[in-house]
Structure formats: C-alpha cells, structure tokens
PDB file of N, CA and C in Angstrom:
ATOM      1  N   MET A   1      42.418 -20.288 -23.543  1.00  0.00           N
ATOM      2  CA  MET A   1      41.726 -19.026 -23.759  1.00  0.00           C
ATOM      3  C   MET A   1      40.213 -19.233 -23.767  1.00  0.00           C
ATOM      4  N   LEU A   2      39.770 -20.279 -24.465  1.00  0.00           N
ATOM      5  CA  LEU A   2      38.345 -20.584 -24.530  1.00  0.00           C
ATOM      6  C   LEU A   2      37.792 -20.886 -23.143  1.00  0.00           C
ATOM      7  N   LEU A   3      38.562 -21.613 -22.340  1.00  0.00           N
ATOM      8  CA  LEU A   3      38.122 -21.918 -20.981  1.00  0.00           C
ATOM      9  C   LEU A   3      38.028 -20.652 -20.136  1.00  0.00           C
ATOM     10  N   GLY A   4      38.959 -19.724 -20.337  1.00  0.00           N
ATOM     11  CA  GLY A   4      38.928 -18.457 -19.607  1.00  0.00           C
ATOM     12  C   GLY A   4      37.683 -17.646 -19.935  1.00  0.00           C
ATOM     13  N   ILE A   5      37.344 -17.569 -21.221  1.00  0.00           N
ATOM     14  CA  ILE A   5      36.142 -16.842 -21.663  1.00  0.00           C
ATOM     15  C   ILE A   5      34.897 -17.532 -21.128  1.00  0.00           C
ATOM     16  N   LEU A   6      34.873 -18.854 -21.208  1.00  0.00           N
ATOM     17  CA  LEU A   6      33.737 -19.627 -20.715  1.00  0.00           C
ATOM     18  C   LEU A   6      33.561 -19.411 -19.216  1.00  0.00           C
ATOM     19  N   GLY A   7      34.678 -19.383 -18.479  1.00  0.00           N
ATOM     20  CA  GLY A   7      34.625 -19.145 -17.033  1.00  0.00           C
ATOM     21  C   GLY A   7      34.046 -17.783 -16.703  1.00  0.00           C
ATOM     22  N   VAL A   8      34.438 -16.774 -17.455  1.00  0.00           N
ATOM     23  CA  VAL A   8      33.923 -15.416 -17.239  1.00  0.00           C
ATOM     24  C   VAL A   8      32.429 -15.368 -17.536  1.00  0.00           C
ATOM     25  N   LEU A   9      31.999 -16.006 -18.615  1.00  0.00           N
ATOM     26  CA  LEU A   9      30.580 -16.021 -18.969  1.00  0.00           C
ATOM     27  C   LEU A   9      29.755 -16.727 -17.905  1.00  0.00           C
ATOM     28  N   ILE A  10      30.260 -17.828 -17.387  1.00  0.00           N
ATOM     29  CA  ILE A  10      29.528 -18.561 -16.348  1.00  0.00           C
ATOM     30  C   ILE A  10      29.436 -17.718 -15.079  1.00  0.00           C
ATOM     31  N   LYS A  11      30.542 -17.088 -14.677  1.00  0.00           N
ATOM     32  CA  LYS A  11      30.534 -16.218 -13.505  1.00  0.00           C
ATOM     33  C   LYS A  11      29.518 -15.095 -13.672  1.00  0.00           C
ATOM     34  N   ARG A  12      29.511 -14.505 -14.842  1.00  0.00           N
ATOM     35  CA  ARG A  12      28.589 -13.399 -15.139  1.00  0.00           C
ATOM     36  C   ARG A  12      27.150 -13.857 -15.039  1.00  0.00           C
ATOM     37  N   GLU A  13      26.857 -15.047 -15.552  1.00  0.00           N
ATOM     38  CA  GLU A  13      25.496 -15.595 -15.497  1.00  0.00           C
ATOM     39  C   GLU A  13      25.078 -15.860 -14.056  1.00  0.00           C
ATOM     40  N   VAL A  14      25.986 -16.388 -13.246  1.00  0.00           N
ATOM     41  CA  VAL A  14      25.695 -16.658 -11.838  1.00  0.00           C
ATOM     42  C   VAL A  14      25.426 -15.360 -11.098  1.00  0.00           C
ATOM     43  N   ILE A  15      26.231 -14.336 -11.358  1.00  0.00           N
ATOM     44  CA  ILE A  15      26.027 -13.039 -10.709  1.00  0.00           C
ATOM     45  C   ILE A  15      24.691 -12.449 -11.126  1.00  0.00           C
ATOM     46  N   THR A  16      24.361 -12.511 -12.406  1.00  0.00           N
ATOM     47  CA  THR A  16      23.078 -11.991 -12.896  1.00  0.00           C
ATOM     48  C   THR A  16      21.924 -12.748 -12.249  1.00  0.00           C
ATOM     49  N   LEU A  17      22.015 -14.056 -12.188  1.00  0.00           N
ATOM     50  CA  LEU A  17      20.974 -14.873 -11.573  1.00  0.00           C
ATOM     51  C   LEU A  17      20.827 -14.529 -10.099  1.00  0.00           C
ATOM     52  N   THR A  18      21.937 -14.352  -9.406  1.00  0.00           N
ATOM     53  CA  THR A  18      21.903 -13.994  -7.990  1.00  0.00           C
ATOM     54  C   THR A  18      21.228 -12.639  -7.797  1.00  0.00           C
ATOM     55  N   LEU A  19      21.560 -11.665  -8.617  1.00  0.00           N
ATOM     56  CA  LEU A  19      20.927 -10.349  -8.514  1.00  0.00           C
ATOM     57  C   LEU A  19      19.441 -10.440  -8.771  1.00  0.00           C
ATOM     58  N   SER A  20      19.051 -11.231  -9.744  1.00  0.00           N
ATOM     59  CA  SER A  20      17.642 -11.391 -10.072  1.00  0.00           C
ATOM     60  C   SER A  20      16.877 -11.999  -8.901  1.00  0.00           C
ATOM     61  N   VAL A  21      17.428 -13.029  -8.292  1.00  0.00           N
ATOM     62  CA  VAL A  21      16.785 -13.664  -7.143  1.00  0.00           C
ATOM     63  C   VAL A  21      16.719 -12.692  -5.971  1.00  0.00           C
ATOM     64  N   SER A  22      17.790 -11.941  -5.756  1.00  0.00           N
ATOM     65  CA  SER A  22      17.809 -10.983  -4.655  1.00  0.00           C
ATOM     66  C   SER A  22      16.727  -9.926  -4.821  1.00  0.00           C
ATOM     67  N   ARG A  23      16.553  -9.415  -6.025  1.00  0.00           N
ATOM     68  CA  ARG A  23      15.510  -8.405  -6.262  1.00  0.00           C
ATOM     69  C   ARG A  23      14.129  -8.997  -6.028  1.00  0.00           C
ATOM     70  N   THR A  24      13.923 -10.234  -6.466  1.00  0.00           N
ATOM     71  CA  THR A  24      12.636 -10.897  -6.252  1.00  0.00           C
ATOM     72  C   THR A  24      12.382 -11.069  -4.765  1.00  0.00           C
ATOM     73  N   ASN A  25      13.387 -11.508  -4.036  1.00  0.00           N
ATOM     74  CA  ASN A  25      13.240 -11.681  -2.592  1.00  0.00           C
ATOM     75  C   ASN A  25      12.974 -10.351  -1.902  1.00  0.00           C
ATOM     76  N   MET A  26      13.638  -9.296  -2.354  1.00  0.00           N
ATOM     77  CA  MET A  26      13.423  -7.982  -1.757  1.00  0.00           C
ATOM     78  C   MET A  26      12.000  -7.516  -1.986  1.00  0.00           C
ATOM     79  N   ARG A  27      11.483  -7.724  -3.187  1.00  0.00           N
ATOM     80  CA  ARG A  27      10.099  -7.323  -3.475  1.00  0.00           C
ATOM     81  C   ARG A  27       9.129  -8.102  -2.601  1.00  0.00           C
ATOM     82  N   ALA A  28       9.351  -9.405  -2.475  1.00  0.00           N
ATOM     83  CA  ALA A  28       8.482 -10.238  -1.645  1.00  0.00           C
ATOM     84  C   ALA A  28       8.551  -9.790  -0.196  1.00  0.00           C
ATOM     85  N   ALA A  29       9.734  -9.514   0.289  1.00  0.00           N
ATOM     86  CA  ALA A  29       9.902  -9.069   1.673  1.00  0.00           C
ATOM     87  C   ALA A  29       9.236  -7.717   1.891  1.00  0.00           C
ATOM     88  N   ALA A  30       9.354  -6.830   0.910  1.00  0.00           N
ATOM     89  CA  ALA A  30       8.729  -5.510   1.022  1.00  0.00           C
ATOM     90  C   ALA A  30       7.221  -5.641   1.088  1.00  0.00           C
ATOM     91  N   LYS A  31       6.646  -6.557   0.305  1.00  0.00           N
ATOM     92  CA  LYS A  31       5.202  -6.739   0.318  1.00  0.00           C
ATOM     93  C   LYS A  31       4.753  -7.284   1.671  1.00  0.00           C
ATOM     94  N   LEU A  32       5.540  -8.196   2.245  1.00  0.00           N
ATOM     95  CA  LEU A  32       5.202  -8.741   3.550  1.00  0.00           C
ATOM     96  C   LEU A  32       5.336  -7.706   4.650  1.00  0.00           C
ATOM     97  N   ALA A  33       6.259  -6.794   4.494  1.00  0.00           N
ATOM     98  CA  ALA A  33       6.536  -5.810   5.526  1.00  0.00           C
ATOM     99  C   ALA A  33       5.710  -4.537   5.370  1.00  0.00           C
ATOM    100  N   ARG A  34       4.711  -4.563   4.485  1.00  0.00           N
ATOM    101  CA  ARG A  34       3.896  -3.367   4.296  1.00  0.00           C
ATOM    102  C   ARG A  34       3.183  -2.994   5.587  1.00  0.00           C
ATOM    103  N   PRO A  35       3.015  -1.690   5.820  1.00  0.00           N
ATOM    104  CA  PRO A  35       2.245  -1.268   6.993  1.00  0.00           C
ATOM    105  C   PRO A  35       0.795  -1.724   6.875  1.00  0.00           C
ATOM    106  N   GLU A  36       0.150  -1.853   8.012  1.00  0.00           N
ATOM    107  CA  GLU A  36      -1.240  -2.315   8.013  1.00  0.00           C
ATOM    108  C   GLU A  36      -2.142  -1.372   7.217  1.00  0.00           C
ATOM    109  N   TRP A  37      -1.883  -0.057   7.303  1.00  0.00           N
ATOM    110  CA  TRP A  37      -2.727   0.889   6.575  1.00  0.00           C
ATOM    111  C   TRP A  37      -2.631   0.670   5.070  1.00  0.00           C
ATOM    112  N   ALA A  38      -1.484   0.227   4.582  1.00  0.00           N
ATOM    113  CA  ALA A  38      -1.324  -0.029   3.147  1.00  0.00           C
ATOM    114  C   ALA A  38      -2.157  -1.245   2.745  1.00  0.00           C
ATOM    115  N   SER A  39      -2.079  -2.296   3.537  1.00  0.00           N
ATOM    116  CA  SER A  39      -2.855  -3.509   3.246  1.00  0.00           C
ATOM    117  C   SER A  39      -4.353  -3.241   3.329  1.00  0.00           C
ATOM    118  N   ARG A  40      -4.758  -2.499   4.349  1.00  0.00           N
ATOM    119  CA  ARG A  40      -6.188  -2.220   4.520  1.00  0.00           C
ATOM    120  C   ARG A  40      -6.734  -1.342   3.396  1.00  0.00           C
ATOM    121  N   THR A  41      -5.923  -0.410   2.934  1.00  0.00           N
ATOM    122  CA  THR A  41      -6.341   0.444   1.824  1.00  0.00           C
ATOM    123  C   THR A  41      -6.555  -0.394   0.575  1.00  0.00           C
ATOM    124  N   GLU A  42      -5.598  -1.274   0.289  1.00  0.00           N
ATOM    125  CA  GLU A  42      -5.726  -2.132  -0.889  1.00  0.00           C
ATOM    126  C   GLU A  42      -6.926  -3.077  -0.767  1.00  0.00           C
ATOM    127  N   LYS A  43      -7.123  -3.661   0.414  1.00  0.00           N
ATOM    128  CA  LYS A  43      -8.259  -4.572   0.624  1.00  0.00           C
ATOM    129  C   LYS A  43      -9.584  -3.843   0.448  1.00  0.00           C
ATOM    130  N   LEU A  44      -9.665  -2.600   0.927  1.00  0.00           N
ATOM    131  CA  LEU A  44     -10.891  -1.820   0.766  1.00  0.00           C
ATOM    132  C   LEU A  44     -11.177  -1.586  -0.709  1.00  0.00           C
ATOM    133  N   ARG A  45     -10.155  -1.175  -1.448  1.00  0.00           N
ATOM    134  CA  ARG A  45     -10.348  -0.937  -2.882  1.00  0.00           C
ATOM    135  C   ARG A  45     -10.809  -2.210  -3.586  1.00  0.00           C
ATOM    136  N   GLU A  46     -10.181  -3.325  -3.253  1.00  0.00           N
ATOM    137  CA  GLU A  46     -10.559  -4.594  -3.873  1.00  0.00           C
ATOM    138  C   GLU A  46     -11.972  -5.008  -3.464  1.00  0.00           C
ATOM    139  N   ARG A  47     -12.327  -4.778  -2.199  1.00  0.00           N
ATOM    140  CA  ARG A  47     -13.676  -5.107  -1.727  1.00  0.00           C
ATOM    141  C   ARG A  47     -14.736  -4.298  -2.484  1.00  0.00           C
ATOM    142  N   LEU A  48     -14.399  -3.054  -2.804  1.00  0.00           N
ATOM    143  CA  LEU A  48     -15.310  -2.195  -3.561  1.00  0.00           C
ATOM    144  C   LEU A  48     -15.261  -2.490  -5.060  1.00  0.00           C
ATOM    145  N   ASN A  49     -14.350  -3.398  -5.441  1.00  0.00           N
ATOM    146  CA  ASN A  49     -14.204  -3.815  -6.845  1.00  0.00           C
ATOM    147  C   ASN A  49     -13.885  -2.623  -7.753  1.00  0.00           C
ATOM    148  N   LEU A  50     -12.919  -1.820  -7.321  1.00  0.00           N
ATOM    149  CA  LEU A  50     -12.522  -0.626  -8.071  1.00  0.00           C
ATOM    150  C   LEU A  50     -11.075  -0.742  -8.522  1.00  0.00           C
ATOM    151  N   THR A  51     -10.775  -0.120  -9.649  1.00  0.00           N
ATOM    152  CA  THR A  51      -9.388   0.006 -10.081  1.00  0.00           C
ATOM    153  C   THR A  51      -8.744   1.116  -9.257  1.00  0.00           C
ATOM    154  N   GLN A  52      -7.435   1.207  -9.314  1.00  0.00           N
ATOM    155  CA  GLN A  52      -6.761   2.298  -8.605  1.00  0.00           C
ATOM    156  C   GLN A  52      -7.218   3.649  -9.144  1.00  0.00           C
ATOM    157  N   THR A  53      -7.459   3.735 -10.440  1.00  0.00           N
ATOM    158  CA  THR A  53      -7.908   4.992 -11.049  1.00  0.00           C
ATOM    159  C   THR A  53      -9.305   5.365 -10.563  1.00  0.00           C
ATOM    160  N   GLU A  54     -10.200   4.394 -10.507  1.00  0.00           N
ATOM    161  CA  GLU A  54     -11.570   4.664 -10.029  1.00  0.00           C
ATOM    162  C   GLU A  54     -11.558   5.054  -8.550  1.00  0.00           C
ATOM    163  N   PHE A  55     -10.776   4.346  -7.774  1.00  0.00           N
ATOM    164  CA  PHE A  55     -10.647   4.621  -6.340  1.00  0.00           C
ATOM    165  C   PHE A  55     -10.087   6.027  -6.131  1.00  0.00           C
ATOM    166  N   ALA A  56      -9.089   6.378  -6.926  1.00  0.00           N
ATOM    167  CA  ALA A  56      -8.488   7.707  -6.849  1.00  0.00           C
ATOM    168  C   ALA A  56      -9.519   8.787  -7.134  1.00  0.00           C
ATOM    169  N   GLY A  57     -10.384   8.546  -8.123  1.00  0.00           N
ATOM    170  CA  GLY A  57     -11.427   9.511  -8.463  1.00  0.00           C
ATOM    171  C   GLY A  57     -12.376   9.766  -7.300  1.00  0.00           C
ATOM    172  N   LEU A  58     -12.725   8.700  -6.567  1.00  0.00           N
ATOM    173  CA  LEU A  58     -13.616   8.850  -5.408  1.00  0.00           C
ATOM    174  C   LEU A  58     -12.956   9.667  -4.296  1.00  0.00           C
ATOM    175  N   LEU A  59     -11.647   9.531  -4.181  1.00  0.00           N
ATOM    176  CA  LEU A  59     -10.923  10.193  -3.097  1.00  0.00           C
ATOM    177  C   LEU A  59     -10.330  11.539  -3.495  1.00  0.00           C
ATOM    178  N   GLY A  60     -10.416  11.872  -4.772  1.00  0.00           N
ATOM    179  CA  GLY A  60      -9.881  13.151  -5.241  1.00  0.00           C
ATOM    180  C   GLY A  60      -8.366  13.209  -5.253  1.00  0.00           C
ATOM    181  N   VAL A  61      -7.735  12.063  -5.521  1.00  0.00           N
ATOM    182  CA  VAL A  61      -6.271  12.000  -5.608  1.00  0.00           C
ATOM    183  C   VAL A  61      -5.901  11.318  -6.915  1.00  0.00           C
ATOM    184  N   SER A  62      -4.613  11.219  -7.192  1.00  0.00           N
ATOM    185  CA  SER A  62      -4.164  10.555  -8.414  1.00  0.00           C
ATOM    186  C   SER A  62      -4.079   9.042  -8.211  1.00  0.00           C
ATOM    187  N   ALA A  63      -4.111   8.322  -9.308  1.00  0.00           N
ATOM    188  CA  ALA A  63      -3.935   6.869  -9.247  1.00  0.00           C
ATOM    189  C   ALA A  63      -2.553   6.531  -8.708  1.00  0.00           C
ATOM    190  N   MET A  64      -1.568   7.372  -8.986  1.00  0.00           N
ATOM    191  CA  MET A  64      -0.213   7.156  -8.463  1.00  0.00           C
ATOM    192  C   MET A  64      -0.218   7.243  -6.943  1.00  0.00           C
ATOM    193  N   ALA A  65      -1.012   8.151  -6.382  1.00  0.00           N
ATOM    194  CA  ALA A  65      -1.098   8.255  -4.921  1.00  0.00           C
ATOM    195  C   ALA A  65      -1.640   6.953  -4.341  1.00  0.00           C
ATOM    196  N   ILE A  66      -2.677   6.406  -4.965  1.00  0.00           N
ATOM    197  CA  ILE A  66      -3.246   5.137  -4.496  1.00  0.00           C
ATOM    198  C   ILE A  66      -2.195   4.039  -4.557  1.00  0.00           C
ATOM    199  N   SER A  67      -1.485   3.975  -5.657  1.00  0.00           N
ATOM    200  CA  SER A  67      -0.432   2.968  -5.808  1.00  0.00           C
ATOM    201  C   SER A  67       0.610   3.101  -4.704  1.00  0.00           C
ATOM    202  N   ARG A  68       1.017   4.302  -4.404  1.00  0.00           N
ATOM    203  CA  ARG A  68       2.024   4.533  -3.360  1.00  0.00           C
ATOM    204  C   ARG A  68       1.484   4.200  -1.973  1.00  0.00           C
ATOM    205  N   TRP A  69       0.212   4.487  -1.744  1.00  0.00           N
ATOM    206  CA  TRP A  69      -0.393   4.130  -0.459  1.00  0.00           C
ATOM    207  C   TRP A  69      -0.420   2.620  -0.298  1.00  0.00           C
ATOM    208  N   GLU A  70      -0.865   1.928  -1.347  1.00  0.00           N
ATOM    209  CA  GLU A  70      -1.007   0.477  -1.266  1.00  0.00           C
ATOM    210  C   GLU A  70       0.336  -0.234  -1.133  1.00  0.00           C
ATOM    211  N   ARG A  71       1.379   0.360  -1.663  1.00  0.00           N
ATOM    212  CA  ARG A  71       2.713  -0.238  -1.533  1.00  0.00           C
ATOM    213  C   ARG A  71       3.393   0.185  -0.238  1.00  0.00           C
ATOM    214  N   GLY A  72       2.778   1.099   0.509  1.00  0.00           N
ATOM    215  CA  GLY A  72       3.339   1.542   1.778  1.00  0.00           C
ATOM    216  C   GLY A  72       4.453   2.555   1.631  1.00  0.00           C
ATOM    217  N   ILE A  73       4.544   3.169   0.458  1.00  0.00           N
ATOM    218  CA  ILE A  73       5.591   4.167   0.214  1.00  0.00           C
ATOM    219  C   ILE A  73       5.221   5.503   0.842  1.00  0.00           C
ATOM    220  N   ASN A  74       3.986   5.927   0.636  1.00  0.00           N
ATOM    221  CA  ASN A  74       3.472   7.157   1.236  1.00  0.00           C
ATOM    222  C   ASN A  74       2.218   6.809   2.023  1.00  0.00           C
ATOM    223  N   GLU A  75       2.049   7.473   3.164  1.00  0.00           N
ATOM    224  CA  GLU A  75       0.840   7.274   3.958  1.00  0.00           C
ATOM    225  C   GLU A  75      -0.197   8.312   3.540  1.00  0.00           C
ATOM    226  N   PRO A  76      -1.465   7.901   3.460  1.00  0.00           N
ATOM    227  CA  PRO A  76      -2.512   8.866   3.096  1.00  0.00           C
ATOM    228  C   PRO A  76      -2.603   9.995   4.119  1.00  0.00           C
ATOM    229  N   PRO A  77      -2.975  11.185   3.670  1.00  0.00           N
ATOM    230  CA  PRO A  77      -3.179  12.290   4.621  1.00  0.00           C
ATOM    231  C   PRO A  77      -4.477  12.070   5.411  1.00  0.00           C
ATOM    232  N   ALA A  78      -4.655  12.836   6.469  1.00  0.00           N
ATOM    233  CA  ALA A  78      -5.821  12.683   7.345  1.00  0.00           C
ATOM    234  C   ALA A  78      -7.138  12.801   6.577  1.00  0.00           C
ATOM    235  N   GLU A  79      -7.207  13.754   5.632  1.00  0.00           N
ATOM    236  CA  GLU A  79      -8.449  13.927   4.863  1.00  0.00           C
ATOM    237  C   GLU A  79      -8.797  12.651   4.094  1.00  0.00           C
ATOM    238  N   ALA A  80      -7.781  12.012   3.550  1.00  0.00           N
ATOM    239  CA  ALA A  80      -8.012  10.773   2.796  1.00  0.00           C
ATOM    240  C   ALA A  80      -8.453   9.659   3.731  1.00  0.00           C
ATOM    241  N   TYR A  81      -7.871   9.591   4.930  1.00  0.00           N
ATOM    242  CA  TYR A  81      -8.291   8.569   5.892  1.00  0.00           C
ATOM    243  C   TYR A  81      -9.759   8.740   6.265  1.00  0.00           C
ATOM    244  N   ILE A  82     -10.202   9.964   6.390  1.00  0.00           N
ATOM    245  CA  ILE A  82     -11.614  10.198   6.713  1.00  0.00           C
ATOM    246  C   ILE A  82     -12.498   9.687   5.580  1.00  0.00           C
ATOM    247  N   GLN A  83     -12.117   9.987   4.341  1.00  0.00           N
ATOM    248  CA  GLN A  83     -12.870   9.497   3.183  1.00  0.00           C
ATOM    249  C   GLN A  83     -12.830   7.969   3.110  1.00  0.00           C
ATOM    250  N   LEU A  84     -11.663   7.379   3.379  1.00  0.00           N
ATOM    251  CA  LEU A  84     -11.541   5.912   3.365  1.00  0.00           C
ATOM    252  C   LEU A  84     -12.480   5.300   4.397  1.00  0.00           C
ATOM    253  N   GLY A  85     -12.565   5.932   5.564  1.00  0.00           N
ATOM    254  CA  GLY A  85     -13.474   5.447   6.599  1.00  0.00           C
ATOM    255  C   GLY A  85     -14.922   5.489   6.155  1.00  0.00           C
ATOM    256  N   LYS A  86     -15.306   6.563   5.470  1.00  0.00           N
ATOM    257  CA  LYS A  86     -16.680   6.674   4.963  1.00  0.00           C
ATOM    258  C   LYS A  86     -16.965   5.571   3.954  1.00  0.00           C
ATOM    259  N   LEU A  87     -15.985   5.287   3.086  1.00  0.00           N
ATOM    260  CA  LEU A  87     -16.164   4.237   2.086  1.00  0.00           C
ATOM    261  C   LEU A  87     -16.180   2.843   2.718  1.00  0.00           C
ATOM    262  N   ALA A  88     -15.417   2.670   3.797  1.00  0.00           N
ATOM    263  CA  ALA A  88     -15.296   1.359   4.435  1.00  0.00           C
ATOM    264  C   ALA A  88     -16.563   0.963   5.177  1.00  0.00           C
ATOM    265  N   GLY A  89     -17.229   1.928   5.776  1.00  0.00           N
ATOM    266  CA  GLY A  89     -18.417   1.598   6.563  1.00  0.00           C
ATOM    267  C   GLY A  89     -18.033   0.952   7.882  1.00  0.00           C
ATOM    268  N   THR A  90     -19.043   0.700   8.713  1.00  0.00           N
ATOM    269  CA  THR A  90     -18.836   0.127  10.039  1.00  0.00           C
ATOM    270  C   THR A  90     -18.537  -1.358   9.905  1.00  0.00           C
ATOM    271  N   PRO A  91     -17.659  -1.916  10.671  1.00  0.00           N
ATOM    272  CA  PRO A  91     -16.809  -1.376  11.724  1.00  0.00           C
ATOM    273  C   PRO A  91     -15.432  -0.929  11.214  1.00  0.00           C
ATOM    274  N   ASP A  92     -15.132  -1.200   9.943  1.00  0.00           N
ATOM    275  CA  ASP A  92     -13.799  -0.892   9.409  1.00  0.00           C
ATOM    276  C   ASP A  92     -13.483   0.601   9.394  1.00  0.00           C
ATOM    277  N   CYS A  93     -14.508   1.437   9.420  1.00  0.00           N
ATOM    278  CA  CYS A  93     -14.287   2.881   9.373  1.00  0.00           C
ATOM    279  C   CYS A  93     -13.389   3.353  10.507  1.00  0.00           C
ATOM    280  N   TRP A  94     -13.504   2.712  11.662  1.00  0.00           N
ATOM    281  CA  TRP A  94     -12.751   3.170  12.829  1.00  0.00           C
ATOM    282  C   TRP A  94     -11.254   3.052  12.643  1.00  0.00           C
ATOM    283  N   PHE A  95     -10.817   2.024  11.937  1.00  0.00           N
ATOM    284  CA  PHE A  95      -9.373   1.902  11.695  1.00  0.00           C
ATOM    285  C   PHE A  95      -8.873   3.138  10.952  1.00  0.00           C
ATOM    286  N   PHE A  96      -9.559   3.521   9.879  1.00  0.00           N
ATOM    287  CA  PHE A  96      -9.128   4.666   9.070  1.00  0.00           C
ATOM    288  C   PHE A  96      -9.281   5.978   9.828  1.00  0.00           C
ATOM    289  N   TRP A  97     -10.384   6.131  10.541  1.00  0.00           N
ATOM    290  CA  TRP A  97     -10.610   7.376  11.274  1.00  0.00           C
ATOM    291  C   TRP A  97      -9.592   7.549  12.401  1.00  0.00           C
ATOM    292  N   GLU A  98      -9.229   6.459  13.056  1.00  0.00           N
ATOM    293  CA  GLU A  98      -8.210   6.553  14.096  1.00  0.00           C
ATOM    294  C   GLU A  98      -6.851   6.937  13.501  1.00  0.00           C
ATOM    295  N   ARG A  99      -6.569   6.481  12.277  1.00  0.00           N
ATOM    296  CA  ARG A  99      -5.332   6.877  11.596  1.00  0.00           C
ATOM    297  C   ARG A  99      -5.337   8.383  11.329  1.00  0.00           C
ATOM    298  N   ALA A 100      -6.543   8.947  11.160  1.00  0.00           N
ATOM    299  CA  ALA A 100      -6.668  10.393  10.930  1.00  0.00           C
ATOM    300  C   ALA A 100      -6.595  11.173  12.242  1.00  0.00           C
ATOM    301  N   GLY A 101      -6.564  10.451  13.367  1.00  0.00           N
ATOM    302  CA  GLY A 101      -6.476  11.115  14.664  1.00  0.00           C
ATOM    303  C   GLY A 101      -7.797  11.258  15.379  1.00  0.00           C
ATOM    304  N   LEU A 102      -8.854  10.641  14.846  1.00  0.00           N
ATOM    305  CA  LEU A 102     -10.166  10.704  15.500  1.00  0.00           C
ATOM    306  C   LEU A 102     -10.357   9.479  16.388  1.00  0.00           C
ATOM    307  N   SER A 103     -10.916   9.701  17.548  1.00  0.00           N
ATOM    308  CA  SER A 103     -11.247   8.572  18.423  1.00  0.00           C
ATOM    309  C   SER A 103     -12.760   8.417  18.453  1.00  0.00           C
ATOM    310  N   LYS A 104     -13.201   7.275  18.904  1.00  0.00           N
ATOM    311  CA  LYS A 104     -14.641   7.035  18.998  1.00  0.00           C
ATOM    312  C   LYS A 104     -15.293   8.053  19.924  1.00  0.00           C
ATOM    313  N   SER A 105     -14.618   8.378  20.998  1.00  0.00           N
ATOM    314  CA  SER A 105     -15.193   9.340  21.941  1.00  0.00           C
ATOM    315  C   SER A 105     -15.308  10.733  21.310  1.00  0.00           C
ATOM    316  N   ASP A 106     -14.336  11.114  20.483  1.00  0.00           N
ATOM    317  CA  ASP A 106     -14.408  12.410  19.790  1.00  0.00           C
ATOM    318  C   ASP A 106     -15.623  12.456  18.873  1.00  0.00           C
ATOM    319  N   VAL A 107     -15.828  11.393  18.122  1.00  0.00           N
ATOM    320  CA  VAL A 107     -16.945  11.339  17.188  1.00  0.00           C
ATOM    321  C   VAL A 107     -18.259  11.341  17.941  1.00  0.00           C
ATOM    322  N   LYS A 108     -18.361  10.557  19.006  1.00  0.00           N
ATOM    323  CA  LYS A 108     -19.592  10.519  19.808  1.00  0.00           C
ATOM    324  C   LYS A 108     -19.904  11.884  20.391  1.00  0.00           C
ATOM    325  N   ARG A 109     -18.851  12.552  20.896  1.00  0.00           N
ATOM    326  CA  ARG A 109     -19.037  13.904  21.449  1.00  0.00           C
ATOM    327  C   ARG A 109     -19.539  14.852  20.364  1.00  0.00           C
ATOM    328  N   ALA A 110     -18.984  14.776  19.186  1.00  0.00           N
ATOM    329  CA  ALA A 110     -19.392  15.661  18.084  1.00  0.00           C
ATOM    330  C   ALA A 110     -20.831  15.386  17.683  1.00  0.00           C
ATOM    331  N   LEU A 111     -21.240  14.126  17.702  1.00  0.00           N
ATOM    332  CA  LEU A 111     -22.617  13.775  17.346  1.00  0.00           C
ATOM    333  C   LEU A 111     -23.600  14.203  18.422  1.00  0.00           C
ATOM    334  N   ASP A 112     -23.202  14.156  19.683  1.00  0.00           N
ATOM    335  CA  ASP A 112     -24.070  14.588  20.776  1.00  0.00           C
ATOM    336  C   ASP A 112     -24.305  16.080  20.762  1.00  0.00           C
ATOM    337  N   ILE A 113     -23.329  16.853  20.288  1.00  0.00           N
ATOM    338  CA  ILE A 113     -23.442  18.311  20.233  1.00  0.00           C
ATOM    339  C   ILE A 113     -24.423  18.722  19.154  1.00  0.00           C
ATOM    340  N   SER A 114     -24.465  17.973  18.048  1.00  0.00           N
ATOM    341  CA  SER A 114     -25.304  18.361  16.912  1.00  0.00           C
ATOM    342  C   SER A 114     -26.758  18.356  17.205  1.00  0.00           C
TER     343      SER A 114
END
C-alpha cells in the first residue's frame, strides 16, 4: 500500500514538473515569436528610458495597452504608430509610419504641398 501511494506521489510530481517546464518553454517560445512591431515598440520604450505607464501617458493609452503591444497580443492602431514614429525619430520613424500605412513618397508629397 505504501509503495502504491509513493508511486502515485512520484507520478504526480513528474506530471507537475513536466507541466511547469512546458509552460516555461511556451513562454520562451512566445517571446521569440513576437512580431517585429512588438519588439520595436518595447525597444523604443526602453531606449527612451520610460516605464510602460509613462510611455502610455505619452501615447494617450493605458499601460495595459503598452503591455499587450510589447507582448504581441494586440497591434497598436495607426494613430499610435504615427505617435511612435514621432517619438522614435529618424530613421526608425519609418518603420512605425509604414505600419500605419504611410509611405515615404506619401509623406514627401504631403510636405511638398505645404
């Protein structure tokens, strides 16, 4: 009887350990598989030395939105990409502006009209 209980406890521990490792691997894989826009958003925030809350304040969104963008769960809307481009400065601005649907030629044309 004692051996049976011990066997069940060991099996349970192995299953728990396996689940724990699987979740860790899934998180690591998810971080590696993040979209480029998520990585670039996080790098920009870090380059500006801002917390997610401070960054959110500059963009007029919630800190949760920033967290979701950086994890690649939700993509920023076009308005946010334009703001991100302004914060990024040249040449990084083009990555964000192109995500918003703006091309260099569109911007040049708009500047020539002004």
